[in-house]
Amino acid sequence: MGLGYVGCVSSACLAALGHQVIGVDTDAHKVNSVLEKKAPFYEPYLDAVVARSVETGRLTASLDLAASVASSDIVLVCVGTPSNRYGNLSTEQLDRVFAQIALTLPTRTRQLIIAVRSTVYPGTCQELMARHVGDNPLVRIVSNPEFLREGTAVKDFIEPSLVVAGGEDREAVSRVADLYGSLGFAPSLVSLRTAEMIKYACNAFHAVKIAFANEIGSLAASLDVSPAEVMDTLCVDTRLNLSKTYLRPGFAFGGSCLPKDLRALNYRAARVNQTLPLLASVLDSNQRHLDRAIQAVLSLPARRLGVFGLTFKEDTDDLRESPVVALIEALIGKGRQIRIYDPNVNLEAIYGSNKNFLLNALPHIGSALTGSVEDLLQDVEYIILAQTPNAEQAATLAASGLPSLNLVKSSLDFIPRLATTNE
C-alpha cells in the first residue's frame, strides 16, 4: 500500500526475491510508471529492478485497493507519516488505508497480515487496529519498519544491516520475517511496540552521531586540530567507541573522567566562541536521569532502605562523582534511613580526593556502611540495587525475601509507565 519511496523500493525488491507483489497507490502516475517498467522517481538501480520484476510477472501495480487486498495474504503498508503542525506524526494516510482495508474484511475467509512499514510511534499499530479492524480473528498486525536510505535504498534492501518484525502473534511475525529470508540475514523478532520504537531509536542515534561529529569537528578546527584525524582515530576503537558498549540503558554515569571532561570541553569551547548544544546538554540529561531514579526510590512504601553499591560502577573503589552518592545524599535529606554495602569500599582504606569527595557529600557515612550483604539486610524494608551483585550476593539478597528496586537493570523498571498517546 503506497508506491512512494519505501513502497516502490519494497515492492520491486520483494518481487526480485521471488514474491508476487501488487503495488497499490491512489496516484495514477505512480501506478502507470510501474506498469511501464519504470520507477516513479529517481533512485539508483531502482528502474532496473522495477523493469526486471514487471517483465518476470512478479510485480504489477493497481489503483484498486480492495481487489488487491482480496488477492493478498500480507499487506505491507508503506504510506507517509509526515509531521503535523505541532511536530507530532500525522496518521491521516494510515487511517485512510486501514479504513479501506476494513471495508474488504466482511467477505474475507482467510487470514490477512497487515505489516506496517511506515514509521509510527509505539502504540500506533494497536490504535489503528482498534479504530478500524476491531477484534476480527482473521487479521493480524505486525510492525516491519524499513531502514532504507535515499540514494542507497536498493543496496540497503538487498544487503540489510537490520531486519525487524514485531508483533504479539509469533506466526504472523515469522511469516513477515520470512519475506526477507533469501537475503541470508537473521531478522530480529521482537514485540510490536519494540518494533515501532526501534526505528525512532535508530534515526535518533544517527542524528546524534552526525551532530556529535560536527560539534567535535567544529571545536577541533577552532583549536587548529584536524577534525578528520580526530574522528578517524576515534573510529579505530571498535571495542568502546563503535560498538554496543555503553548502549545498554541503566543508571546515570559518574566517575572521575566523564563528568570532569565534559565540563572542561564545554568550558574551553566557550572560550573560543564555540557553542556545542549537544555536548552541553549531556550532563543535564544525566542529572535528569538520576532525578528520575531518586523520585522512584522516594515513592517506595518504605523508609528504611538498604543500598547495594556505592561507587560509580562495579569493580572499583572510585567514589568520585558517583551517582549513588548523590542518590543517598538526596534520600537522607528526605528522611530515609539508609544502610549501604559495597564489596569494594572500605572507609579505612580509601584516601585522598576519593575519600574527601565521599565525606564532603556524606559526613556520617561510617554509621551507614556495612561489612557484608547479610549486615545490609538487617532492619531494612527495601533493597536498592545501584550495582549488579555477583551470583552469590544475588542469591543472598533473593533469599531475604525483601522487595528490591533495580536501578541498573536494562529494562529501567524504575521509570513509571505513562499512558500511551499520539498527542
Protein backbone atom coordinates (compact mmCIF):
# COMPACT_ATOMS: atom_id res chain seq x y z
CA MET A 1 0.00 0.00 0.00
CA GLY A 2 1.78 3.11 -1.26
CA LEU A 3 4.20 3.40 -4.17
CA GLY A 4 6.25 6.22 -2.74
CA TYR A 5 9.86 5.89 -1.78
CA VAL A 6 9.54 2.99 0.67
CA GLY A 7 6.66 1.28 -1.09
CA CYS A 8 8.13 1.22 -4.57
CA VAL A 9 11.56 0.06 -3.42
CA SER A 10 9.99 -2.61 -1.20
CA SER A 11 7.62 -3.77 -3.96
CA ALA A 12 10.31 -4.06 -6.62
CA CYS A 13 12.88 -5.71 -4.36
CA LEU A 14 10.42 -8.20 -2.85
CA ALA A 15 9.35 -9.16 -6.36
CA ALA A 16 13.01 -9.56 -7.30
CA LEU A 17 13.31 -12.01 -4.38
CA GLY A 18 10.57 -14.15 -5.96
CA HIS A 19 7.38 -12.92 -4.28
CA GLN A 20 4.19 -12.00 -6.12
CA VAL A 21 3.66 -8.31 -5.42
CA ILE A 22 0.96 -5.77 -6.22
CA GLY A 23 1.94 -2.16 -5.72
CA VAL A 24 -1.13 -0.11 -4.82
CA ASP A 25 -1.49 3.65 -4.90
CA THR A 26 -4.14 6.31 -5.48
CA ASP A 27 -1.74 8.21 -7.76
CA ALA A 28 -2.24 7.04 -11.33
CA HIS A 29 1.18 8.38 -12.34
CA LYS A 30 2.95 6.09 -9.88
CA VAL A 31 0.88 3.08 -10.87
CA ASN A 32 1.37 3.69 -14.60
CA SER A 33 5.10 4.22 -14.14
CA VAL A 34 5.45 0.76 -12.62
CA LEU A 35 3.26 -0.82 -15.28
CA GLU A 36 5.52 0.86 -17.85
CA LYS A 37 8.53 -0.77 -16.15
CA LYS A 38 9.83 2.48 -14.68
CA ALA A 39 10.29 3.83 -11.18
CA PRO A 40 8.11 6.90 -10.45
CA PHE A 41 11.16 8.73 -9.01
CA TYR A 42 14.92 8.52 -9.29
CA GLU A 43 16.78 6.07 -7.11
CA PRO A 44 19.97 4.32 -8.28
CA TYR A 45 19.26 0.85 -9.75
CA LEU A 46 15.52 1.03 -8.99
CA ASP A 47 14.48 1.41 -12.65
CA ALA A 48 16.29 -1.81 -13.50
CA VAL A 49 14.78 -3.74 -10.59
CA VAL A 50 11.26 -2.50 -11.41
CA ALA A 51 11.68 -3.39 -15.10
CA ARG A 52 13.01 -6.87 -14.39
CA SER A 53 10.32 -7.60 -11.79
CA VAL A 54 7.49 -6.48 -14.10
CA GLU A 55 8.93 -8.47 -17.01
CA THR A 56 9.02 -11.65 -14.93
CA GLY A 57 5.37 -11.15 -13.99
CA ARG A 58 6.10 -10.97 -10.25
CA LEU A 59 5.36 -7.24 -9.93
CA THR A 60 2.29 -5.38 -11.04
CA ALA A 61 0.57 -2.21 -9.91
CA SER A 62 -3.03 -1.17 -9.33
CA LEU A 63 -5.33 1.66 -8.27
CA ASP A 64 -7.80 -0.89 -6.87
CA LEU A 65 -7.06 -1.39 -3.19
CA ALA A 66 -10.00 -3.68 -2.49
CA ALA A 67 -9.19 -6.14 -5.26
CA SER A 68 -5.50 -6.09 -4.34
CA VAL A 69 -6.20 -6.86 -0.68
CA ALA A 70 -8.64 -9.62 -1.63
CA SER A 71 -5.93 -11.46 -3.57
CA SER A 72 -3.19 -10.98 -0.97
CA ASP A 73 -2.03 -12.75 2.17
CA ILE A 74 0.15 -9.95 3.51
CA VAL A 75 -0.41 -6.22 3.12
CA LEU A 76 2.66 -4.03 3.58
CA VAL A 77 1.54 -0.52 4.48
CA CYS A 78 4.11 1.98 3.20
CA VAL A 79 2.33 5.33 3.32
CA GLY A 80 3.76 8.53 4.73
CA THR A 81 3.57 9.73 8.32
CA PRO A 82 4.66 13.37 7.98
CA SER A 83 4.89 15.84 10.84
CA ASN A 84 1.79 17.79 11.70
CA ARG A 85 1.91 21.47 12.65
CA TYR A 86 2.80 20.63 16.27
CA GLY A 87 5.60 18.18 15.45
CA ASN A 88 3.62 15.02 16.10
CA LEU A 89 3.36 12.46 13.30
CA SER A 90 0.23 12.52 11.16
CA THR A 91 -1.59 9.19 10.83
CA GLU A 92 -4.08 10.54 8.28
CA GLN A 93 -2.79 8.37 5.43
CA LEU A 94 -2.57 5.32 7.69
CA ASP A 95 -6.14 5.82 8.89
CA ARG A 96 -7.33 6.07 5.31
CA VAL A 97 -5.60 2.84 4.28
CA PHE A 98 -6.77 0.92 7.36
CA ALA A 99 -10.33 2.14 6.82
CA GLN A 100 -10.24 0.91 3.23
CA ILE A 101 -8.76 -2.44 4.27
CA ALA A 102 -11.52 -2.80 6.88
CA LEU A 103 -14.15 -2.48 4.14
CA THR A 104 -12.78 -5.63 2.48
CA LEU A 105 -12.97 -7.79 5.61
CA PRO A 106 -16.66 -8.76 5.78
CA THR A 107 -16.28 -11.08 2.77
CA ARG A 108 -12.81 -12.35 3.64
CA THR A 109 -12.42 -16.03 4.56
CA ARG A 110 -8.67 -16.45 5.08
CA GLN A 111 -6.12 -14.80 7.34
CA LEU A 112 -4.70 -11.38 6.50
CA ILE A 113 -1.48 -9.99 7.93
CA ILE A 114 -1.14 -6.20 7.94
CA ALA A 115 2.53 -5.26 8.20
CA VAL A 116 3.20 -1.57 8.80
CA ARG A 117 6.42 -0.37 7.16
CA SER A 118 5.62 3.29 7.88
CA THR A 119 7.45 4.98 10.75
CA VAL A 120 4.99 5.10 13.65
CA TYR A 121 5.15 5.88 17.35
CA PRO A 122 4.82 2.93 19.77
CA GLY A 123 1.18 2.00 20.22
CA THR A 124 0.08 3.30 16.81
CA CYS A 125 -0.48 -0.15 15.28
CA GLN A 126 -2.68 -1.19 18.18
CA GLU A 127 -4.65 2.04 17.93
CA LEU A 128 -5.18 1.62 14.20
CA MET A 129 -6.39 -1.93 14.70
CA ALA A 130 -8.76 -0.91 17.49
CA ARG A 131 -10.10 2.01 15.47
CA HIS A 132 -10.68 0.22 12.17
CA VAL A 133 -10.44 -3.56 12.48
CA GLY A 134 -11.56 -4.39 16.00
CA ASP A 135 -11.11 -7.99 17.12
CA ASN A 136 -11.52 -9.62 13.71
CA PRO A 137 -9.97 -13.09 14.20
CA LEU A 138 -8.69 -13.23 10.63
CA VAL A 139 -6.44 -10.16 10.90
CA ARG A 140 -3.00 -9.97 12.48
CA ILE A 141 -0.90 -6.82 12.88
CA VAL A 142 2.89 -6.70 12.54
CA SER A 143 5.32 -3.79 12.61
CA ASN A 144 8.01 -4.16 9.95
CA PRO A 145 9.97 -0.87 9.91
CA GLU A 146 12.18 -0.05 6.95
CA PHE A 147 15.81 1.06 7.11
CA LEU A 148 16.32 2.43 3.61
CA ARG A 149 18.50 5.44 2.87
CA GLU A 150 17.74 7.58 -0.13
CA GLY A 151 20.48 7.10 -2.71
CA THR A 152 21.35 3.59 -1.48
CA ALA A 153 17.85 2.14 -0.91
CA VAL A 154 18.14 -0.84 -3.27
CA LYS A 155 21.51 -1.81 -1.81
CA ASP A 156 20.15 -1.33 1.72
CA PHE A 157 17.23 -3.64 0.94
CA ILE A 158 19.29 -6.40 -0.68
CA GLU A 159 22.18 -6.11 1.82
CA PRO A 160 20.36 -5.16 5.04
CA SER A 161 22.07 -4.10 8.23
CA LEU A 162 18.87 -4.72 10.20
CA VAL A 163 15.61 -6.58 9.59
CA VAL A 164 12.90 -6.15 12.23
CA ALA A 165 9.48 -7.75 12.55
CA GLY A 166 7.43 -7.23 15.68
CA GLY A 167 4.06 -8.37 16.92
CA GLU A 168 2.24 -10.41 19.50
CA ASP A 169 1.32 -13.25 17.10
CA ARG A 170 4.55 -15.18 16.60
CA GLU A 171 3.32 -16.98 13.48
CA ALA A 172 2.42 -13.71 11.77
CA VAL A 173 5.74 -12.15 12.78
CA SER A 174 7.64 -15.13 11.37
CA ARG A 175 5.70 -15.00 8.10
CA VAL A 176 6.60 -11.35 7.60
CA ALA A 177 10.24 -12.01 8.52
CA ASP A 178 10.29 -14.88 6.02
CA LEU A 179 9.66 -12.39 3.21
CA TYR A 180 13.33 -11.43 3.61
CA GLY A 181 14.61 -14.97 4.25
CA SER A 182 16.52 -15.32 0.98
CA LEU A 183 18.67 -12.30 1.90
CA GLY A 184 20.58 -14.50 4.33
CA PHE A 185 20.28 -12.03 7.20
CA ALA A 186 18.99 -13.09 10.62
CA PRO A 187 15.91 -10.99 11.45
CA SER A 188 15.17 -9.50 14.86
CA LEU A 189 11.79 -10.82 16.03
CA VAL A 190 10.50 -8.54 18.76
CA SER A 191 7.31 -7.24 20.36
CA LEU A 192 5.00 -4.93 18.43
CA ARG A 193 5.85 -1.79 20.37
CA THR A 194 9.59 -2.56 20.30
CA ALA A 195 9.50 -2.77 16.51
CA GLU A 196 7.75 0.59 16.34
CA MET A 197 10.25 2.17 18.74
CA ILE A 198 13.42 0.80 17.15
CA LYS A 199 13.05 2.95 14.01
CA TYR A 200 12.91 6.10 16.14
CA ALA A 201 15.87 4.89 18.20
CA CYS A 202 17.93 4.25 15.07
CA ASN A 203 17.13 7.59 13.46
CA ALA A 204 17.73 9.48 16.70
CA PHE A 205 21.09 7.71 17.11
CA HIS A 206 22.08 8.59 13.55
CA ALA A 207 21.17 12.23 14.17
CA VAL A 208 23.13 12.26 17.44
CA LYS A 209 26.19 10.77 15.72
CA ILE A 210 26.12 13.39 12.99
CA ALA A 211 25.66 16.23 15.49
CA PHE A 212 28.43 14.80 17.71
CA ALA A 213 30.88 14.55 14.82
CA ASN A 214 30.04 18.08 13.70
CA GLU A 215 30.46 19.57 17.19
CA ILE A 216 33.77 17.78 17.79
CA GLY A 217 34.88 18.78 14.29
CA SER A 218 33.98 22.44 14.85
CA LEU A 219 35.80 22.58 18.17
CA ALA A 220 38.83 20.76 16.77
CA ALA A 221 39.08 23.15 13.82
CA SER A 222 38.89 26.19 16.10
CA LEU A 223 41.83 24.75 18.08
CA ASP A 224 43.88 24.12 14.92
CA VAL A 225 43.34 20.37 15.19
CA SER A 226 42.37 18.23 12.19
CA PRO A 227 38.70 17.21 12.58
CA ALA A 228 39.14 14.28 10.20
CA GLU A 229 42.18 12.97 12.06
CA VAL A 230 40.35 13.15 15.39
CA MET A 231 37.26 11.31 14.19
CA ASP A 232 39.16 8.80 12.04
CA THR A 233 41.23 7.88 15.08
CA LEU A 234 38.13 7.70 17.28
CA CYS A 235 36.63 5.20 14.84
CA VAL A 236 39.64 2.88 15.11
CA ASP A 237 38.32 1.79 18.51
CA THR A 238 35.61 -0.78 17.77
CA ARG A 239 35.55 -2.13 21.33
CA LEU A 240 34.39 1.02 23.13
CA ASN A 241 33.57 3.67 20.50
CA LEU A 242 31.96 1.88 17.54
CA SER A 243 30.32 -0.93 19.46
CA LYS A 244 27.39 -1.77 21.73
CA THR A 245 29.44 -0.72 24.76
CA TYR A 246 27.59 1.97 26.77
CA LEU A 247 24.42 1.44 24.73
CA ARG A 248 22.57 -0.52 27.40
CA PRO A 249 20.03 1.60 29.32
CA GLY A 250 20.74 1.70 33.05
CA PHE A 251 21.78 4.09 35.80
CA ALA A 252 23.34 7.53 35.45
CA PHE A 253 27.07 7.82 34.67
CA GLY A 254 29.66 9.24 37.04
CA GLY A 255 33.30 8.76 37.97
CA SER A 256 36.43 10.83 37.72
CA CYS A 257 36.50 11.16 33.92
CA LEU A 258 33.22 11.63 32.08
CA PRO A 259 31.68 14.49 34.11
CA LYS A 260 35.00 16.32 34.51
CA ASP A 261 35.95 16.08 30.85
CA LEU A 262 32.52 17.14 29.60
CA ARG A 263 32.66 20.23 31.81
CA ALA A 264 36.17 21.07 30.61
CA LEU A 265 35.25 20.55 26.97
CA ASN A 266 32.27 22.88 27.19
CA TYR A 267 34.22 25.48 29.19
CA ARG A 268 37.07 25.58 26.69
CA ALA A 269 34.65 25.66 23.75
CA ALA A 270 33.05 28.78 25.16
CA ARG A 271 36.48 30.40 25.41
CA VAL A 272 36.94 30.07 21.64
CA ASN A 273 33.36 31.19 20.89
CA GLN A 274 32.13 27.72 20.01
CA THR A 275 28.61 26.64 21.02
CA LEU A 276 28.19 22.90 21.46
CA PRO A 277 24.50 22.38 22.35
CA LEU A 278 24.61 18.58 22.11
CA LEU A 279 27.64 18.16 24.37
CA ALA A 280 26.41 20.94 26.66
CA SER A 281 23.17 19.02 27.25
CA VAL A 282 24.75 15.69 28.23
CA LEU A 283 25.38 16.48 31.91
CA ASP A 284 21.88 17.89 32.27
CA SER A 285 20.45 14.76 30.64
CA ASN A 286 22.44 12.61 33.07
CA GLN A 287 21.19 14.63 36.04
CA ARG A 288 17.59 14.27 34.91
CA HIS A 289 18.04 10.51 34.68
CA LEU A 290 19.43 10.49 38.21
CA ASP A 291 16.46 12.61 39.34
CA ARG A 292 14.07 10.02 37.92
CA ALA A 293 15.79 7.32 39.95
CA ILE A 294 15.67 9.44 43.13
CA GLN A 295 11.94 10.04 42.70
CA ALA A 296 11.35 6.35 42.08
CA VAL A 297 13.08 5.44 45.35
CA LEU A 298 11.27 8.18 47.27
CA SER A 299 7.95 6.82 46.02
CA LEU A 300 8.59 3.38 47.55
CA PRO A 301 6.41 2.45 50.56
CA ALA A 302 9.48 2.23 52.81
CA ARG A 303 11.65 4.49 54.95
CA ARG A 304 14.41 2.04 55.89
CA LEU A 305 16.40 1.27 52.75
CA GLY A 306 19.37 -0.94 52.02
CA VAL A 307 21.54 0.25 49.13
CA PHE A 308 23.77 -2.26 47.34
CA GLY A 309 26.67 -0.41 45.70
CA LEU A 310 28.26 2.96 46.37
CA THR A 311 30.99 3.53 43.76
CA PHE A 312 30.17 4.86 40.29
CA LYS A 313 30.35 1.36 38.78
CA GLU A 314 31.24 -2.23 39.71
CA ASP A 315 34.77 -3.49 40.39
CA THR A 316 36.29 -0.20 41.52
CA ASP A 317 36.61 1.74 44.77
CA ASP A 318 36.37 5.11 42.98
CA LEU A 319 33.62 7.18 44.60
CA ARG A 320 34.27 10.47 42.83
CA GLU A 321 31.06 11.86 41.31
CA SER A 322 29.31 8.56 41.87
CA PRO A 323 25.59 8.94 41.14
CA VAL A 324 24.93 6.55 44.02
CA VAL A 325 26.47 9.03 46.46
CA ALA A 326 24.17 11.73 45.09
CA LEU A 327 21.24 9.34 45.35
CA ILE A 328 21.96 8.55 49.01
CA GLU A 329 22.53 12.21 49.81
CA ALA A 330 19.08 13.02 48.43
CA LEU A 331 17.43 10.11 50.26
CA ILE A 332 18.92 11.08 53.61
CA GLY A 333 17.82 14.66 53.03
CA LYS A 334 14.27 13.36 52.64
CA GLY A 335 14.38 11.49 55.92
CA ARG A 336 15.13 7.98 54.70
CA GLN A 337 17.22 5.68 56.90
CA ILE A 338 19.98 4.14 54.82
CA ARG A 339 22.24 1.11 55.13
CA ILE A 340 24.92 0.63 52.46
CA TYR A 341 27.10 -2.22 51.29
CA ASP A 342 29.72 -2.07 48.55
CA PRO A 343 32.18 -5.00 48.31
CA ASN A 344 34.97 -2.67 47.17
CA VAL A 345 34.58 0.17 49.69
CA ASN A 346 36.41 0.14 52.99
CA LEU A 347 36.28 3.55 54.67
CA GLU A 348 39.65 2.93 56.34
CA ALA A 349 41.34 2.02 53.05
CA ILE A 350 40.24 4.82 50.75
CA TYR A 351 42.10 8.12 50.87
CA GLY A 352 42.83 11.43 49.15
CA SER A 353 40.31 13.03 46.79
CA ASN A 354 38.33 9.81 46.74
CA LYS A 355 37.70 9.90 50.49
CA ASN A 356 37.25 13.67 50.58
CA PHE A 357 34.51 13.52 47.98
CA LEU A 358 32.62 10.90 49.96
CA LEU A 359 32.94 12.62 53.34
CA ASN A 360 32.01 16.02 51.93
CA ALA A 361 28.81 14.57 50.50
CA LEU A 362 28.03 12.15 53.33
CA PRO A 363 29.82 13.19 56.54
CA HIS A 364 28.22 10.40 58.59
CA ILE A 365 28.72 7.63 56.02
CA GLY A 366 30.59 5.50 58.56
CA SER A 367 27.43 4.72 60.52
CA ALA A 368 25.61 3.60 57.36
CA LEU A 369 28.29 1.39 55.80
CA THR A 370 28.01 -2.33 56.47
CA GLY A 371 30.62 -5.02 56.03
CA SER A 372 28.57 -7.72 54.27
CA VAL A 373 25.40 -8.40 52.34
CA GLU A 374 24.00 -10.10 55.43
CA ASP A 375 24.57 -6.95 57.51
CA LEU A 376 22.96 -4.85 54.78
CA LEU A 377 19.73 -6.82 55.14
CA GLN A 378 19.31 -6.11 58.84
CA ASP A 379 16.36 -3.88 59.72
CA VAL A 380 15.58 -2.63 56.19
CA GLU A 381 12.31 -2.74 54.28
CA TYR A 382 13.56 -2.43 50.72
CA ILE A 383 16.77 -3.12 48.78
CA ILE A 384 18.00 -0.63 46.19
CA LEU A 385 20.35 -2.20 43.66
CA ALA A 386 22.69 0.54 42.46
CA GLN A 387 25.17 -2.03 41.16
CA THR A 388 24.84 -5.57 39.81
CA PRO A 389 25.63 -8.13 42.54
CA ASN A 390 27.57 -11.29 41.74
CA ALA A 391 25.79 -14.65 41.78
CA GLU A 392 26.47 -15.34 45.46
CA GLN A 393 25.40 -11.86 46.55
CA ALA A 394 22.30 -12.02 44.36
CA ALA A 395 21.32 -15.35 45.94
CA THR A 396 21.66 -13.90 49.42
CA LEU A 397 19.57 -10.87 48.51
CA ALA A 398 16.89 -13.06 46.91
CA ALA A 399 16.80 -15.42 49.90
CA SER A 400 15.99 -12.49 52.20
CA GLY A 401 12.56 -12.14 50.62
CA LEU A 402 12.89 -8.35 50.71
CA PRO A 403 11.46 -6.41 47.76
CA SER A 404 14.03 -4.66 45.59
CA LEU A 405 14.29 -1.86 43.06
CA ASN A 406 16.95 -2.39 40.40
CA LEU A 407 18.38 0.89 39.13
CA VAL A 408 20.88 -0.73 36.77
CA LYS A 409 18.59 -3.22 35.08
CA SER A 410 18.43 -2.62 31.33
CA SER A 411 14.64 -2.53 31.35
CA LEU A 412 14.72 0.59 33.58
CA ASP A 413 11.80 -0.69 35.62
CA PHE A 414 12.08 2.32 37.93
CA ILE A 415 10.76 4.66 35.24
CA PRO A 416 6.97 5.00 35.61
CA ARG A 417 4.90 3.82 32.70
CA LEU A 418 2.84 6.54 31.05
CA ALA A 419 -0.42 6.27 29.20
CA THR A 420 0.25 5.77 25.50
CA THR A 421 -0.96 8.59 23.30
CA ASN A 422 -0.08 10.04 19.93
CA GLU A 423 -0.96 13.56 21.07
